[in-house]
Protein backbone atom coordinates (compact mmCIF):
# COMPACT_ATOMS: atom_id res chain seq x y z
CA UNK A 1 -86.04 116.07 143.96
CA UNK A 2 -88.30 114.57 146.50
CA UNK A 3 -88.45 116.65 149.61
CA UNK A 4 -86.89 114.98 152.58
CA UNK A 5 -88.76 116.21 155.59
CA UNK A 6 -86.77 116.26 158.76
CA UNK A 7 -87.27 116.23 162.45
CA UNK A 8 -84.56 118.39 163.93
CA UNK A 9 -83.27 117.18 167.23
CA UNK A 10 -82.74 120.11 169.60
CA UNK A 11 -79.24 119.83 170.96
CA UNK A 12 -79.71 121.52 174.28
CA UNK A 13 -77.61 121.08 177.36
CA UNK A 14 -78.41 122.20 180.89
CA UNK A 15 -77.81 125.84 181.70
CA UNK A 16 -74.09 126.66 181.80
CA UNK A 17 -72.22 128.89 184.19
CA UNK A 18 -70.99 131.41 181.61
CA UNK A 19 -72.60 134.78 182.34
CA UNK A 20 -74.44 136.52 179.54
CA UNK A 21 -72.66 139.45 177.94
CA UNK A 22 -75.96 141.28 177.54
CA UNK A 23 -78.78 142.17 179.84
CA UNK A 24 -81.14 139.41 180.92
CA UNK A 25 -84.41 139.31 179.05
CA UNK A 26 -87.38 139.75 181.31
CA UNK A 27 -90.73 138.04 180.89
CA UNK A 28 -92.68 139.47 178.00
CA UNK A 29 -89.70 141.37 176.56
CA UNK A 30 -88.46 140.83 173.01
CA UNK A 31 -84.85 139.97 172.27
CA UNK A 32 -82.95 140.85 169.10
CA UNK A 33 -80.64 138.19 167.61
CA UNK A 34 -77.96 138.75 164.97
CA UNK A 35 -77.68 135.76 162.59
CA UNK A 36 -74.88 135.56 160.02
CA UNK A 37 -73.36 133.38 157.31
CA UNK A 38 -70.42 133.94 154.95
CA UNK A 39 -72.18 133.77 151.56
CA UNK A 40 -72.77 137.09 149.80
CA UNK A 41 -75.16 135.50 147.31
CA UNK A 42 -78.61 136.62 148.44
CA UNK A 43 -80.29 133.69 146.69
CA UNK A 44 -78.13 131.04 148.37
CA UNK A 45 -79.73 128.23 150.41
CA UNK A 46 -77.95 129.67 153.47
CA UNK A 47 -79.80 132.94 152.98
CA UNK A 48 -83.09 131.15 152.34
CA UNK A 49 -82.67 129.27 155.61
CA UNK A 50 -81.72 132.36 157.59
CA UNK A 51 -84.64 134.36 156.23
CA UNK A 52 -86.99 131.52 157.15
CA UNK A 53 -85.50 131.53 160.63
CA UNK A 54 -86.25 135.25 160.85
CA UNK A 55 -89.78 134.83 159.49
CA UNK A 56 -90.72 132.02 161.86
CA UNK A 57 -89.11 133.58 164.95
CA UNK A 58 -90.78 136.93 164.36
CA UNK A 59 -94.25 135.40 164.17
CA UNK A 60 -94.17 135.75 167.94
CA UNK A 61 -93.44 138.99 169.72
CA UNK A 62 -90.58 137.29 171.57
CA UNK A 63 -87.69 137.36 169.09
CA UNK A 64 -86.42 139.62 166.31
CA UNK A 65 -83.70 138.41 163.93
CA UNK A 66 -81.25 140.54 161.95
CA UNK A 67 -79.76 138.52 159.07
CA UNK A 68 -76.29 139.23 157.65
CA UNK A 69 -75.19 137.61 154.38
CA UNK A 70 -71.42 138.06 154.35
CA UNK A 71 -71.75 141.60 155.69
CA UNK A 72 -70.07 140.99 159.04
CA UNK A 73 -67.60 138.40 157.79
CA UNK A 74 -66.92 136.15 154.80
CA UNK A 75 -64.28 134.21 156.75
CA UNK A 76 -65.63 131.55 159.09
CA UNK A 77 -62.99 132.15 161.75
CA UNK A 78 -64.07 135.79 161.77
CA UNK A 79 -67.71 134.81 162.19
CA UNK A 80 -66.90 132.53 165.12
CA UNK A 81 -64.81 135.24 166.74
CA UNK A 82 -67.78 137.58 166.49
CA UNK A 83 -69.99 134.85 167.94
CA UNK A 84 -67.73 134.34 170.95
CA UNK A 85 -67.24 138.07 171.56
CA UNK A 86 -70.92 138.94 171.17
CA UNK A 87 -70.93 140.56 167.73
CA UNK A 88 -73.25 137.80 166.48
CA UNK A 89 -75.67 135.44 168.19
CA UNK A 90 -76.13 132.73 165.52
CA UNK A 91 -73.66 131.75 162.77
CA UNK A 92 -73.42 129.04 160.12
CA UNK A 93 -69.98 127.46 159.72
CA UNK A 94 -68.20 124.35 158.43
CA UNK A 95 -66.30 121.71 160.44
CA UNK A 96 -62.92 123.09 159.34
CA UNK A 97 -62.62 125.92 161.83
CA UNK A 98 -63.41 123.57 164.72
CA UNK A 99 -60.56 121.19 163.98
CA UNK A 100 -58.17 124.15 163.99
CA UNK A 101 -59.67 125.03 167.39
CA UNK A 102 -58.93 121.56 168.75
CA UNK A 103 -62.39 119.99 168.36
CA UNK A 104 -61.04 117.10 166.30
CA UNK A 105 -64.17 114.97 166.58
CA UNK A 106 -66.04 117.14 164.06
CA UNK A 107 -63.73 115.71 161.38
CA UNK A 108 -66.19 112.82 161.47
CA UNK A 109 -68.23 114.90 159.01
CA UNK A 110 -65.18 115.44 156.79
CA UNK A 111 -64.67 111.72 156.18
CA UNK A 112 -65.31 110.99 152.52
CA UNK A 113 -67.84 108.32 151.48
CA UNK A 114 -69.26 108.34 155.00
CA UNK A 115 -72.85 108.78 153.76
CA UNK A 116 -74.75 106.84 151.12
CA UNK A 117 -77.12 109.65 150.13
CA UNK A 118 -78.95 112.66 151.56
CA UNK A 119 -81.49 110.46 153.36
CA UNK A 120 -78.67 108.63 155.14
CA UNK A 121 -77.00 111.93 156.04
CA UNK A 122 -80.23 113.29 157.51
CA UNK A 123 -80.80 110.16 159.60
CA UNK A 124 -77.36 110.55 161.15
CA UNK A 125 -77.24 114.28 161.88
CA UNK A 126 -80.81 114.27 163.24
CA UNK A 127 -80.12 111.27 165.48
CA UNK A 128 -78.35 110.64 168.78
CA UNK A 129 -75.09 110.69 166.84
CA UNK A 130 -75.70 114.30 165.86
CA UNK A 131 -76.51 115.03 169.48
CA UNK A 132 -73.29 113.39 170.69
CA UNK A 133 -71.21 115.54 168.35
CA UNK A 134 -73.18 118.62 169.41
CA UNK A 135 -72.43 117.85 173.07
CA UNK A 136 -68.72 117.45 172.29
CA UNK A 137 -68.70 120.80 170.45
CA UNK A 138 -70.36 122.52 173.42
CA UNK A 139 -67.93 121.04 175.93
CA UNK A 140 -64.74 121.49 173.90
CA UNK A 141 -65.65 125.07 172.98
CA UNK A 142 -65.39 125.84 176.68
CA UNK A 143 -69.19 126.16 176.82
CA UNK A 144 -69.00 129.15 174.45
CA UNK A 145 -71.40 127.94 171.75
CA UNK A 146 -73.78 125.08 171.02
CA UNK A 147 -75.28 123.44 167.94
CA UNK A 148 -78.82 124.46 167.02
CA UNK A 149 -79.01 122.36 163.86
CA UNK A 150 -77.22 120.77 160.92
CA UNK A 151 -77.46 122.35 157.48
CA UNK A 152 -76.10 121.15 154.12
CA UNK A 153 -73.75 122.56 151.49
CA UNK A 154 -74.50 119.91 148.87
CA UNK A 155 -72.75 116.78 147.65
CA UNK A 156 -69.28 117.14 146.16
CA UNK A 157 -68.05 115.67 142.88
CA UNK A 158 -64.80 115.66 140.95
CA UNK A 159 -64.53 118.03 137.98
CA UNK A 160 -61.45 118.40 135.82
CA UNK A 161 -59.71 118.14 132.47
CA UNK A 162 -60.75 114.51 132.08
CA UNK A 163 -63.39 112.25 133.59
CA UNK A 164 -62.69 109.90 136.46
CA UNK A 165 -64.31 106.50 136.07
CA UNK A 166 -61.92 104.28 138.05
CA UNK A 167 -59.51 104.98 140.91
CA UNK A 168 -56.49 104.80 138.62
CA UNK A 169 -57.79 107.75 136.58
CA UNK A 170 -56.91 110.12 139.43
CA UNK A 171 -53.23 109.19 139.52
CA UNK A 172 -50.96 112.21 139.17
CA UNK A 173 -53.77 114.74 138.81
CA UNK A 174 -53.38 117.99 140.75
CA UNK A 175 -56.69 118.57 142.53
CA UNK A 176 -57.66 121.72 144.33
CA UNK A 177 -58.74 120.46 147.75
CA UNK A 178 -57.62 120.42 151.37
CA UNK A 179 -53.90 119.73 151.66
CA UNK A 180 -54.02 118.17 155.13
CA UNK A 181 -56.39 116.05 157.18
CA UNK A 182 -58.70 113.23 156.18
CA UNK A 183 -59.80 114.79 152.88
CA UNK A 184 -56.21 115.13 151.73
CA UNK A 185 -55.49 111.59 152.95
CA UNK A 186 -58.16 110.16 150.65
CA UNK A 187 -57.06 111.97 147.50
CA UNK A 188 -53.43 111.10 148.17
CA UNK A 189 -54.43 107.45 148.67
CA UNK A 190 -55.94 107.27 145.18
CA UNK A 191 -52.87 108.90 143.63
CA UNK A 192 -54.03 112.50 143.18
CA UNK A 193 -51.98 115.50 144.30
CA UNK A 194 -53.88 117.79 146.72
CA UNK A 195 -53.09 121.40 145.88
CA UNK A 196 -53.97 124.60 147.70
CA UNK A 197 -55.72 127.31 145.67
CA UNK A 198 -57.88 130.11 147.06
CA UNK A 199 -61.53 129.79 146.03
CA UNK A 200 -61.50 133.21 144.38
CA UNK A 201 -58.49 132.17 142.28
CA UNK A 202 -59.72 128.73 141.24
CA UNK A 203 -61.29 129.74 137.92
CA UNK A 204 -57.95 131.08 136.73
CA UNK A 205 -56.09 128.08 138.17
CA UNK A 206 -58.32 125.72 136.17
CA UNK A 207 -58.02 127.81 133.03
CA UNK A 208 -54.21 128.02 133.18
CA UNK A 209 -53.33 124.43 134.16
CA UNK A 210 -52.26 125.31 137.70
CA UNK A 211 -54.52 122.45 138.76
CA UNK A 212 -56.00 119.60 136.73
CA UNK A 213 -59.31 119.64 138.55
CA UNK A 214 -61.20 120.36 141.75
CA UNK A 215 -64.10 119.03 143.79
CA UNK A 216 -67.28 120.71 144.87
CA UNK A 217 -71.07 120.63 144.63
CA UNK A 218 -72.99 121.82 141.57
CA UNK A 219 -74.49 124.87 143.37
CA UNK A 220 -70.98 126.17 144.00
CA UNK A 221 -68.90 125.20 140.96
CA UNK A 222 -71.49 126.16 138.32
CA UNK A 223 -72.20 129.76 139.44
CA UNK A 224 -68.42 130.32 139.42
CA UNK A 225 -68.37 128.92 135.85
CA UNK A 226 -65.60 126.46 136.64
CA UNK A 227 -67.26 124.01 134.23
CA UNK A 228 -66.56 126.44 131.37
CA UNK A 229 -62.79 126.15 131.81
CA UNK A 230 -60.60 123.64 129.99
CA UNK A 231 -59.77 121.87 133.23
CA UNK A 232 -63.28 121.91 134.63
CA UNK A 233 -65.32 120.60 131.73
CA UNK A 234 -65.61 116.96 132.82
CA UNK A 235 -67.76 116.37 135.90
CA UNK A 236 -67.59 112.88 137.38
CA UNK A 237 -70.31 112.24 139.93
CA UNK A 238 -68.09 110.75 142.60
CA UNK A 239 -70.50 111.96 145.33
CA UNK A 240 -67.69 111.61 147.84
CA UNK A 241 -68.79 114.20 150.37
CA UNK A 242 -72.26 115.07 151.68
CA UNK A 243 -71.13 118.27 153.31
CA UNK A 244 -72.27 119.39 156.74
CA UNK A 245 -72.63 122.88 158.14
CA UNK A 246 -73.23 123.76 161.79
CA UNK A 247 -75.81 126.33 162.90
CA UNK A 248 -74.32 127.61 166.15
CA UNK A 249 -75.72 129.86 168.85
CA UNK A 250 -73.66 131.75 171.40
CA UNK A 251 -74.12 130.05 174.77
CA UNK A 252 -74.50 133.37 176.59
CA UNK A 253 -77.31 134.29 174.20
CA UNK A 254 -79.08 130.97 174.76
CA UNK A 255 -78.81 131.32 178.52
CA UNK A 256 -80.51 134.71 178.59
CA UNK A 257 -83.55 133.50 176.66
CA UNK A 258 -86.73 132.67 178.55
CA UNK A 259 -88.21 129.19 178.22
CA UNK A 260 -90.84 130.60 175.87
CA UNK A 261 -88.20 132.25 173.68
CA UNK A 262 -86.18 129.04 173.54
CA UNK A 263 -89.25 127.16 172.35
CA UNK A 264 -89.92 129.81 169.68
CA UNK A 265 -86.31 129.64 168.49
CA UNK A 266 -86.26 125.83 168.38
CA UNK A 267 -89.41 125.78 166.26
CA UNK A 268 -88.00 128.46 163.94
CA UNK A 269 -84.74 126.54 163.54
CA UNK A 270 -86.61 123.35 162.69
CA UNK A 271 -88.49 125.04 159.85
CA UNK A 272 -85.43 126.99 158.67
CA UNK A 273 -83.44 123.75 158.52
CA UNK A 274 -86.08 122.12 156.35
CA UNK A 275 -86.08 125.08 153.98
CA UNK A 276 -82.28 125.27 153.73
CA UNK A 277 -81.88 121.57 153.03
CA UNK A 278 -84.63 121.45 150.43
CA UNK A 279 -83.17 124.54 148.74
CA UNK A 280 -79.78 122.88 148.33
CA UNK A 281 -81.38 119.64 147.12
CA UNK A 282 -83.32 121.55 144.45
CA UNK A 283 -80.25 123.51 143.36
CA UNK A 284 -78.32 120.28 142.78
CA UNK A 285 -80.60 119.44 139.84
CA UNK A 286 -80.94 123.00 138.57
CA UNK A 287 -77.21 123.63 138.37
CA UNK A 288 -76.46 120.19 136.95
CA UNK A 289 -78.86 120.91 134.10
CA UNK A 290 -77.23 124.31 133.55
CA UNK A 291 -73.75 122.76 133.47
CA UNK A 292 -74.83 120.26 130.80
CA UNK A 293 -76.54 123.01 128.79
CA UNK A 294 -73.30 124.99 128.94
CA UNK A 295 -71.33 122.09 127.46
CA UNK A 296 -70.05 120.26 130.52
CA UNK A 297 -69.73 116.49 130.19
CA UNK A 298 -71.18 114.57 133.14
CA UNK A 299 -70.54 110.89 133.80
CA UNK A 300 -71.73 108.44 136.45
CA UNK A 301 -69.17 106.65 138.61
CA UNK A 302 -69.10 103.24 140.26
CA UNK A 303 -68.34 104.52 143.74
CA UNK A 304 -67.52 101.16 145.31
CA UNK A 305 -63.75 101.13 144.59
CA UNK A 306 -63.46 104.74 145.80
CA UNK A 307 -65.39 104.06 148.99
CA UNK A 308 -63.17 101.07 149.76
CA UNK A 309 -60.14 103.37 149.78
CA UNK A 310 -62.07 105.85 151.90
CA UNK A 311 -63.01 103.15 154.41
CA UNK A 312 -59.34 102.62 155.29
CA UNK A 313 -58.93 106.36 155.87
CA UNK A 314 -62.06 106.38 158.03
CA UNK A 315 -60.87 103.44 160.15
CA UNK A 316 -57.46 105.00 160.73
CA UNK A 317 -58.96 108.33 161.79
CA UNK A 318 -61.55 106.75 164.09
CA UNK A 319 -58.91 104.65 165.86
CA UNK A 320 -57.06 107.84 166.77
CA UNK A 321 -60.05 109.45 168.51
CA UNK A 322 -61.74 108.02 171.57
CA UNK A 323 -65.25 106.73 170.96
CA UNK A 324 -65.21 107.45 167.24
CA UNK A 325 -64.85 103.84 166.08
CA UNK A 326 -68.15 103.01 167.76
CA UNK A 327 -69.86 106.02 166.17
CA UNK A 328 -68.38 105.20 162.77
CA UNK A 329 -69.77 101.67 162.99
CA UNK A 330 -73.18 103.05 164.00
CA UNK A 331 -73.22 105.23 160.90
CA UNK A 332 -72.26 102.32 158.65
CA UNK A 333 -74.99 100.14 160.14
CA UNK A 334 -77.68 102.80 159.70
CA UNK A 335 -79.70 102.38 156.52
């Protein structure tokens, strides 16, 4: 896949009043940062991005980075708790935990059929819209953490016991997905039945007819061999969700960095973001080819009827949150 080079917008706000939990870093002194994500797979794009962050930051004598791949938490809420309490300085998390923490605006990135393709997604998250959401996250977190950058977890498709080619094909199918919020609203609107199943239990749920299908990106469903189950064989490329992940830094950590260290970290994040995104883009093709080689049946989908249903869900959600209708329209008008 063609590399999509990015220009990461640094989402920095003026110095906040929260005191640092650690000693101030003096001029010329190096600071050690703990960076963590929840994936234990050491070849995952998350890990590739984090290792690039470490490599670039440590080219200077200003910053050292200790990377943890699921070793200090595989649960995102746990990672954020460590971030707030000082057990981690940088973490990678999804929008889900923020909505449970009352930052409802991040559900913007959970709206299905919001983005046309990866290029469209990049334009939005690396624009003033991404900065607006980053500012909201900083403020509504009580100035506890801020966004350093936006990473990707791939584009999600339907996979199940039969292909989906038109909206009506989903009627009555039990799909493993979120059972509340805007994602659930979409699947319910097209007649599917959102069903809760733990990720670790999904292979068995697909194999034993607990659910009729699920939705995820190739780099996640294929390594778990979901496509080898009876109810995971048919992959319909609905491309309904270009998923977003937030690279967060603890505000107290940011505040103790010198101007030189902040510049080093920003540059490292920019390069790490490029590497992480390109890694996930490459894995999309690799794992699709593996799925087909393993016997999965892949079909293209006319997404227009699905996106029309999603548009109504988007409009309803935006109307319930101040300023979001304007942002939603900006995204739709961006090509």
